[in-house]
Amino acid sequence: MKTIMYSYILYYFMIGTLSTMVLDYILNRLARFLNDESKKFSNMERIIVIMLWPIYTSIFIWNFIAGLINKNK
């Protein structure tokens, strides 16, 4: 039973790390494009996003889709 729980925890943090890598890549590209270094994640923000990735990923997807819809209007 413990190994199953540990594997779920491991998967949770692996998905969080992958989603943080994607968000970090996008933010770094945006910061370079805008010449604004304040747009980058700090290390503490990275840790928080890894732990709370479902919330941050949902917010990112929601705003991304809303931006695409508003751009087309």
N, C-alpha and C. Protein backbone atom coordinates (compact mmCIF):
# COMPACT_ATOMS: atom_id res chain seq x y z
N MET A 1 0.82 -1.20 0.00
CA MET A 1 0.00 0.00 0.00
C MET A 1 0.86 1.26 0.00
N LYS A 2 1.96 1.24 0.76
CA LYS A 2 2.84 2.41 0.81
C LYS A 2 3.47 2.69 -0.55
N THR A 3 3.87 1.63 -1.24
CA THR A 3 4.53 1.85 -2.53
C THR A 3 3.57 2.46 -3.55
N ILE A 4 2.29 2.10 -3.46
CA ILE A 4 1.31 2.69 -4.37
C ILE A 4 1.17 4.18 -4.08
N MET A 5 1.11 4.53 -2.80
CA MET A 5 0.99 5.94 -2.43
C MET A 5 2.24 6.71 -2.86
N TYR A 6 3.41 6.13 -2.66
CA TYR A 6 4.65 6.79 -3.07
C TYR A 6 4.70 6.97 -4.58
N SER A 7 4.19 6.01 -5.31
CA SER A 7 4.20 6.16 -6.77
C SER A 7 3.25 7.28 -7.21
N TYR A 8 2.09 7.40 -6.55
CA TYR A 8 1.19 8.51 -6.87
C TYR A 8 1.83 9.86 -6.56
N ILE A 9 2.51 9.94 -5.44
CA ILE A 9 3.20 11.18 -5.08
C ILE A 9 4.30 11.49 -6.09
N LEU A 10 5.03 10.47 -6.50
CA LEU A 10 6.09 10.64 -7.49
C LEU A 10 5.51 11.11 -8.82
N TYR A 11 4.41 10.51 -9.26
CA TYR A 11 3.76 10.94 -10.51
C TYR A 11 3.27 12.38 -10.41
N TYR A 12 2.70 12.74 -9.27
CA TYR A 12 2.21 14.10 -9.06
C TYR A 12 3.34 15.11 -9.23
N PHE A 13 4.49 14.85 -8.60
CA PHE A 13 5.61 15.78 -8.72
C PHE A 13 6.27 15.73 -10.09
N MET A 14 6.25 14.58 -10.75
CA MET A 14 6.79 14.51 -12.10
C MET A 14 5.95 15.34 -13.07
N ILE A 15 4.64 15.23 -12.98
CA ILE A 15 3.76 16.02 -13.83
C ILE A 15 3.92 17.51 -13.51
N GLY A 16 4.03 17.82 -12.22
CA GLY A 16 4.25 19.20 -11.81
C GLY A 16 5.54 19.76 -12.36
N THR A 17 6.60 18.95 -12.34
CA THR A 17 7.89 19.39 -12.87
C THR A 17 7.80 19.62 -14.37
N LEU A 18 7.16 18.71 -15.08
CA LEU A 18 7.03 18.87 -16.54
C LEU A 18 6.18 20.09 -16.89
N SER A 19 5.08 20.29 -16.18
CA SER A 19 4.25 21.46 -16.49
C SER A 19 4.98 22.75 -16.14
N THR A 20 5.78 22.74 -15.07
CA THR A 20 6.57 23.92 -14.71
C THR A 20 7.64 24.20 -15.75
N MET A 21 8.23 23.14 -16.30
CA MET A 21 9.23 23.33 -17.36
C MET A 21 8.60 23.99 -18.57
N VAL A 22 7.40 23.58 -18.94
CA VAL A 22 6.72 24.16 -20.10
C VAL A 22 6.38 25.63 -19.82
N LEU A 23 5.80 25.90 -18.65
CA LEU A 23 5.46 27.28 -18.30
C LEU A 23 6.71 28.15 -18.21
N ASP A 24 7.78 27.61 -17.66
CA ASP A 24 9.03 28.36 -17.53
C ASP A 24 9.62 28.67 -18.91
N TYR A 25 9.56 27.72 -19.81
CA TYR A 25 10.05 27.94 -21.17
C TYR A 25 9.27 29.06 -21.86
N ILE A 26 7.95 29.00 -21.72
CA ILE A 26 7.11 30.03 -22.35
C ILE A 26 7.39 31.40 -21.75
N LEU A 27 7.51 31.46 -20.42
CA LEU A 27 7.78 32.74 -19.77
C LEU A 27 9.16 33.28 -20.12
N ASN A 28 10.15 32.40 -20.23
CA ASN A 28 11.49 32.85 -20.63
C ASN A 28 11.49 33.41 -22.05
N ARG A 29 10.77 32.75 -22.95
CA ARG A 29 10.68 33.26 -24.33
C ARG A 29 9.96 34.61 -24.35
N LEU A 30 8.90 34.72 -23.56
CA LEU A 30 8.16 35.98 -23.48
C LEU A 30 9.03 37.09 -22.89
N ALA A 31 9.81 36.78 -21.87
CA ALA A 31 10.68 37.78 -21.25
C ALA A 31 11.75 38.25 -22.23
N ARG A 32 12.30 37.31 -23.02
CA ARG A 32 13.28 37.70 -24.04
C ARG A 32 12.64 38.56 -25.12
N PHE A 33 11.43 38.21 -25.52
CA PHE A 33 10.73 38.95 -26.57
C PHE A 33 10.41 40.37 -26.11
N LEU A 34 10.00 40.51 -24.86
CA LEU A 34 9.61 41.82 -24.33
C LEU A 34 10.76 42.58 -23.68
N ASN A 35 11.94 41.96 -23.61
CA ASN A 35 13.10 42.54 -22.91
C ASN A 35 12.75 42.94 -21.48
N ASP A 36 12.04 42.05 -20.80
CA ASP A 36 11.58 42.30 -19.43
C ASP A 36 11.93 41.10 -18.57
N GLU A 37 12.97 41.22 -17.77
CA GLU A 37 13.43 40.12 -16.94
C GLU A 37 12.49 39.82 -15.77
N SER A 38 11.57 40.72 -15.46
CA SER A 38 10.65 40.49 -14.34
C SER A 38 9.59 39.44 -14.68
N LYS A 39 9.50 39.04 -15.93
CA LYS A 39 8.51 38.05 -16.34
C LYS A 39 8.96 36.61 -16.04
N LYS A 40 10.20 36.42 -15.63
CA LYS A 40 10.72 35.08 -15.38
C LYS A 40 10.33 34.59 -13.99
N PHE A 41 10.26 33.24 -13.84
CA PHE A 41 10.00 32.62 -12.55
C PHE A 41 11.23 32.73 -11.65
N SER A 42 11.00 32.97 -10.37
CA SER A 42 12.08 32.82 -9.39
C SER A 42 12.08 31.36 -8.93
N ASN A 43 13.08 30.96 -8.20
CA ASN A 43 13.13 29.57 -7.73
C ASN A 43 11.98 29.25 -6.79
N MET A 44 11.61 30.19 -5.93
CA MET A 44 10.49 29.95 -5.02
C MET A 44 9.19 29.79 -5.79
N GLU A 45 9.00 30.59 -6.83
CA GLU A 45 7.80 30.45 -7.66
C GLU A 45 7.78 29.10 -8.37
N ARG A 46 8.92 28.62 -8.79
CA ARG A 46 9.00 27.30 -9.43
C ARG A 46 8.57 26.21 -8.45
N ILE A 47 9.03 26.28 -7.23
CA ILE A 47 8.67 25.27 -6.22
C ILE A 47 7.18 25.30 -5.94
N ILE A 48 6.62 26.50 -5.82
CA ILE A 48 5.18 26.62 -5.57
C ILE A 48 4.37 26.07 -6.73
N VAL A 49 4.81 26.36 -7.95
CA VAL A 49 4.08 25.86 -9.14
C VAL A 49 4.19 24.34 -9.22
N ILE A 50 5.32 23.76 -8.87
CA ILE A 50 5.46 22.30 -8.89
C ILE A 50 4.50 21.67 -7.89
N MET A 51 4.35 22.28 -6.72
CA MET A 51 3.47 21.71 -5.70
C MET A 51 1.99 21.93 -6.03
N LEU A 52 1.66 23.05 -6.66
CA LEU A 52 0.27 23.39 -6.94
C LEU A 52 -0.02 23.39 -8.45
N TRP A 53 0.60 22.48 -9.19
CA TRP A 53 0.52 22.50 -10.64
C TRP A 53 -0.89 22.39 -11.20
N PRO A 54 -1.83 21.66 -10.60
CA PRO A 54 -3.16 21.62 -11.24
C PRO A 54 -3.81 23.00 -11.32
N ILE A 55 -3.63 23.79 -10.28
CA ILE A 55 -4.23 25.14 -10.26
C ILE A 55 -3.56 26.01 -11.31
N TYR A 56 -2.24 26.04 -11.31
CA TYR A 56 -1.52 26.92 -12.24
C TYR A 56 -1.68 26.49 -13.69
N THR A 57 -1.72 25.20 -13.93
CA THR A 57 -1.91 24.73 -15.31
C THR A 57 -3.31 25.06 -15.80
N SER A 58 -4.30 24.91 -14.92
CA SER A 58 -5.67 25.27 -15.30
C SER A 58 -5.80 26.75 -15.60
N ILE A 59 -5.19 27.60 -14.78
CA ILE A 59 -5.23 29.04 -15.01
C ILE A 59 -4.54 29.39 -16.33
N PHE A 60 -3.39 28.75 -16.60
CA PHE A 60 -2.67 29.01 -17.84
C PHE A 60 -3.51 28.63 -19.06
N ILE A 61 -4.10 27.44 -19.03
CA ILE A 61 -4.90 26.98 -20.17
C ILE A 61 -6.11 27.87 -20.36
N TRP A 62 -6.78 28.23 -19.26
CA TRP A 62 -7.96 29.11 -19.34
C TRP A 62 -7.60 30.45 -19.99
N ASN A 63 -6.53 31.08 -19.52
CA ASN A 63 -6.13 32.38 -20.06
C ASN A 63 -5.60 32.27 -21.48
N PHE A 64 -4.95 31.17 -21.80
CA PHE A 64 -4.45 30.97 -23.16
C PHE A 64 -5.62 30.88 -24.14
N ILE A 65 -6.62 30.09 -23.79
CA ILE A 65 -7.79 29.96 -24.67
C ILE A 65 -8.56 31.27 -24.74
N ALA A 66 -8.71 31.95 -23.59
CA ALA A 66 -9.41 33.24 -23.59
C ALA A 66 -8.67 34.26 -24.46
N GLY A 67 -7.35 34.23 -24.43
CA GLY A 67 -6.57 35.13 -25.27
C GLY A 67 -6.74 34.84 -26.74
N LEU A 68 -6.81 33.55 -27.09
CA LEU A 68 -7.03 33.20 -28.49
C LEU A 68 -8.41 33.62 -28.96
N ILE A 69 -9.40 33.44 -28.12
CA ILE A 69 -10.77 33.81 -28.48
C ILE A 69 -10.89 35.33 -28.63
N ASN A 70 -10.31 36.08 -27.71
CA ASN A 70 -10.39 37.54 -27.77
C ASN A 70 -9.58 38.10 -28.92
N LYS A 71 -8.52 37.41 -29.30
CA LYS A 71 -7.69 37.89 -30.42
C LYS A 71 -8.46 37.79 -31.73
N ASN A 72 -9.30 36.77 -31.85
CA ASN A 72 -10.05 36.57 -33.08
C ASN A 72 -11.24 37.51 -33.21
N LYS A 73 -11.63 38.19 -32.15
CA LYS A 73 -12.81 39.08 -32.22
C LYS A 73 -12.43 40.45 -32.73
